[in-house]
Amino acid sequence: MAAKPIDITKLSATELKNLLANAERHGQTAMVHAVLEQMAKRGIATRREYRSLSWNQDRVEQVMQPFKEVASTVRDNQRTAYTEARGRRIGHSKDDPEWRWVDTYSAIKTPNINAVFVCYIARPGADPEFQLHVNGVPVQYYNADRLGDALNEWRAISARAAADCDAAVLPR
């Protein structure tokens, strides 16, 4: 006799957490994603539950660390070197198509350069999207496999920003 399918919409928060733990233990990726999606809809999922996803805020924080370090070296940087909560996460309802589950960025701003390297993840379980914006224009899109290229470009932008700052302090 086949087991009855589980209607996760009718499970309590505790039952969802138990089902999540069992699905993780048995490597049932589809069930993990379905349970986390239901928990997210109810607002009961936390960072702890999301750790079972291959891409979550903790992993994004780890991946973005080198970008933060580069941005932190820019003297007189007028932007926040790194933040985890940006405009597409705050101020939008979760039903808004512009809302992002993860919206993290690193930024560099000097008199002539305003650059932002951002990571978006639309919903739990989705793949990350990385974007490089320079002076308000998106100039490059990256997937996770191309983060080395992105970091090289970020370092080049940092070097241009440093030269920009050096030029600004030279006597005329």
Protein backbone atom coordinates (compact mmCIF):
# COMPACT_ATOMS: atom_id res chain seq x y z
CA MET A 1 0.00 0.00 0.00
CA ALA A 2 1.43 3.35 -1.04
CA ALA A 3 1.92 6.05 1.54
CA LYS A 4 -0.46 8.97 1.39
CA PRO A 5 1.17 12.20 0.15
CA ILE A 6 1.76 14.76 2.87
CA ASP A 7 -0.19 18.02 2.64
CA ILE A 8 2.40 20.32 4.18
CA THR A 9 -0.03 23.25 4.18
CA LYS A 10 -1.93 21.55 6.99
CA LEU A 11 1.06 20.77 9.22
CA SER A 12 1.80 22.72 12.38
CA ALA A 13 5.08 24.60 12.78
CA THR A 14 6.47 21.78 14.93
CA GLU A 15 5.40 19.17 12.38
CA LEU A 16 7.06 21.17 9.59
CA LYS A 17 10.30 21.37 11.57
CA ASN A 18 10.23 17.62 12.19
CA LEU A 19 9.50 16.92 8.52
CA LEU A 20 12.37 19.23 7.53
CA ALA A 21 14.78 17.40 9.84
CA ASN A 22 13.70 14.02 8.46
CA ALA A 23 13.93 15.18 4.84
CA GLU A 24 17.43 16.58 5.49
CA ARG A 25 18.53 13.34 7.16
CA HIS A 26 17.29 11.27 4.20
CA GLY A 27 18.65 13.62 1.53
CA GLN A 28 15.20 14.48 0.15
CA THR A 29 16.11 17.79 -1.46
CA ALA A 30 12.72 18.41 -3.08
CA MET A 31 10.94 17.89 0.25
CA VAL A 32 13.44 20.16 2.04
CA HIS A 33 12.72 22.94 -0.47
CA ALA A 34 8.95 22.43 -0.25
CA VAL A 35 8.96 22.53 3.56
CA LEU A 36 11.20 25.61 3.63
CA GLU A 37 8.95 27.34 1.11
CA GLN A 38 5.94 26.63 3.33
CA MET A 39 7.81 27.81 6.43
CA ALA A 40 8.88 30.98 4.61
CA LYS A 41 5.27 31.69 3.56
CA ARG A 42 4.24 31.44 7.20
CA GLY A 43 7.16 33.54 8.40
CA ILE A 44 8.48 30.80 10.68
CA ALA A 45 11.69 29.86 8.87
CA THR A 46 14.89 31.15 10.41
CA ARG A 47 18.54 31.18 9.40
CA ARG A 48 18.87 27.90 11.24
CA GLU A 49 16.35 26.18 8.97
CA TYR A 50 17.77 27.80 5.85
CA ARG A 51 21.23 26.37 6.52
CA SER A 52 20.18 23.21 4.69
CA LEU A 53 19.98 25.15 1.41
CA SER A 54 23.12 25.29 -0.71
CA TRP A 55 22.62 29.06 -1.10
CA ASN A 56 21.53 30.97 1.99
CA GLN A 57 22.50 34.24 3.72
CA ASP A 58 25.39 32.60 5.58
CA ARG A 59 26.90 31.27 2.35
CA VAL A 60 26.38 34.61 0.61
CA GLU A 61 28.13 36.34 3.51
CA GLN A 62 31.07 33.95 3.11
CA VAL A 63 31.24 34.43 -0.67
CA MET A 64 30.96 38.22 -0.38
CA GLN A 65 33.75 38.49 2.24
CA PRO A 66 36.56 39.08 -0.33
CA PHE A 67 34.46 41.82 -2.00
CA LYS A 68 33.94 43.46 1.39
CA GLU A 69 37.67 43.28 2.12
CA VAL A 70 38.51 44.95 -1.20
CA ALA A 71 35.91 47.70 -0.67
CA SER A 72 37.18 48.26 2.88
CA THR A 73 40.65 49.14 1.57
CA VAL A 74 39.39 52.12 -0.46
CA ARG A 75 40.39 55.28 1.36
CA ASP A 76 37.52 57.72 1.88
CA ASN A 77 34.95 55.24 0.57
CA GLN A 78 31.64 57.10 0.73
CA ARG A 79 29.54 53.91 0.66
CA THR A 80 29.06 51.05 3.08
CA ALA A 81 31.67 48.42 2.26
CA TYR A 82 29.17 45.60 2.91
CA THR A 83 25.59 45.16 4.01
CA GLU A 84 23.13 42.27 4.14
CA ALA A 85 19.88 44.19 3.87
CA ARG A 86 19.21 46.43 0.92
CA GLY A 87 16.25 48.02 -0.83
CA ARG A 88 14.80 44.97 -2.55
CA ARG A 89 14.45 43.22 0.79
CA ILE A 90 13.30 46.05 3.03
CA GLY A 91 10.16 48.01 2.27
CA HIS A 92 8.67 45.45 -0.12
CA SER A 93 6.12 42.81 0.78
CA LYS A 94 7.13 39.23 0.09
CA ASP A 95 4.46 39.13 -2.64
CA ASP A 96 6.13 42.01 -4.52
CA PRO A 97 8.02 40.71 -7.58
CA GLU A 98 10.86 43.11 -6.72
CA TRP A 99 11.32 41.60 -3.24
CA ARG A 100 14.44 39.46 -2.80
CA TRP A 101 15.03 36.89 -0.06
CA VAL A 102 18.73 37.74 -0.10
CA ASP A 103 19.81 41.22 -1.14
CA THR A 104 23.42 41.79 -0.14
CA TYR A 105 26.01 44.15 -1.54
CA SER A 106 29.49 45.57 -1.33
CA ALA A 107 30.06 49.13 -2.55
CA ILE A 108 32.77 51.61 -3.45
CA LYS A 109 32.16 55.31 -4.03
CA THR A 110 34.69 58.02 -4.77
CA PRO A 111 34.25 61.33 -6.63
CA ASN A 112 34.20 59.60 -10.05
CA ILE A 113 33.21 55.99 -9.30
CA ASN A 114 30.09 54.62 -7.69
CA ALA A 115 30.29 50.81 -7.92
CA VAL A 116 28.12 48.15 -6.32
CA PHE A 117 28.59 44.39 -6.41
CA VAL A 118 25.31 42.80 -5.40
CA CYS A 119 24.00 39.31 -4.73
CA TYR A 120 20.30 38.59 -5.14
CA ILE A 121 18.48 35.39 -4.34
CA ALA A 122 14.83 35.71 -5.27
CA ARG A 123 13.40 33.00 -3.03
CA PRO A 124 14.71 30.25 -0.74
CA GLY A 125 16.10 27.46 -2.89
CA ALA A 126 16.80 29.69 -5.93
CA ASP A 127 20.26 30.18 -7.39
CA PRO A 128 22.09 33.43 -6.62
CA GLU A 129 22.48 36.19 -9.17
CA PHE A 130 25.48 38.47 -8.90
CA GLN A 131 25.54 41.87 -10.57
CA LEU A 132 28.11 44.60 -10.97
CA HIS A 133 26.76 48.15 -11.27
CA VAL A 134 29.00 51.11 -12.07
CA ASN A 135 27.65 54.65 -11.79
CA GLY A 136 24.09 53.35 -11.57
CA VAL A 137 24.30 51.11 -14.64
CA PRO A 138 24.38 47.31 -14.50
CA VAL A 139 27.51 46.41 -16.45
CA GLN A 140 27.99 42.70 -15.78
CA TYR A 141 26.04 39.70 -14.53
CA TYR A 142 27.73 36.69 -12.94
CA ASN A 143 26.71 33.27 -11.76
CA ALA A 144 28.40 31.51 -8.84
CA ASP A 145 30.90 29.82 -11.18
CA ARG A 146 32.28 33.18 -12.30
CA LEU A 147 32.91 34.79 -8.92
CA GLY A 148 36.68 34.72 -9.51
CA ASP A 149 36.19 36.91 -12.60
CA ALA A 150 33.90 39.18 -10.62
CA LEU A 151 36.47 39.57 -7.84
CA ASN A 152 39.18 40.46 -10.38
CA GLU A 153 36.93 43.15 -11.85
CA TRP A 154 36.11 44.40 -8.33
CA ARG A 155 39.83 44.71 -7.57
CA ALA A 156 40.33 46.68 -10.80
CA ILE A 157 37.51 49.03 -9.79
CA SER A 158 39.08 49.41 -6.36
CA ALA A 159 42.41 50.33 -7.97
CA ARG A 160 40.66 52.95 -10.15
CA ALA A 161 38.90 54.29 -7.06
CA ALA A 162 42.21 54.52 -5.18
CA ALA A 163 43.76 56.41 -8.12
CA ASP A 164 40.69 58.64 -8.15
CA CYS A 165 41.20 59.43 -4.44
CA ASP A 166 44.93 60.03 -4.95
CA ALA A 167 44.20 62.44 -7.79
CA ALA A 168 41.70 64.29 -5.63
CA VAL A 169 44.31 65.06 -2.96
CA LEU A 170 47.06 66.17 -5.34
CA PRO A 171 47.66 69.93 -5.40
CA ARG A 172 46.47 71.59 -8.57
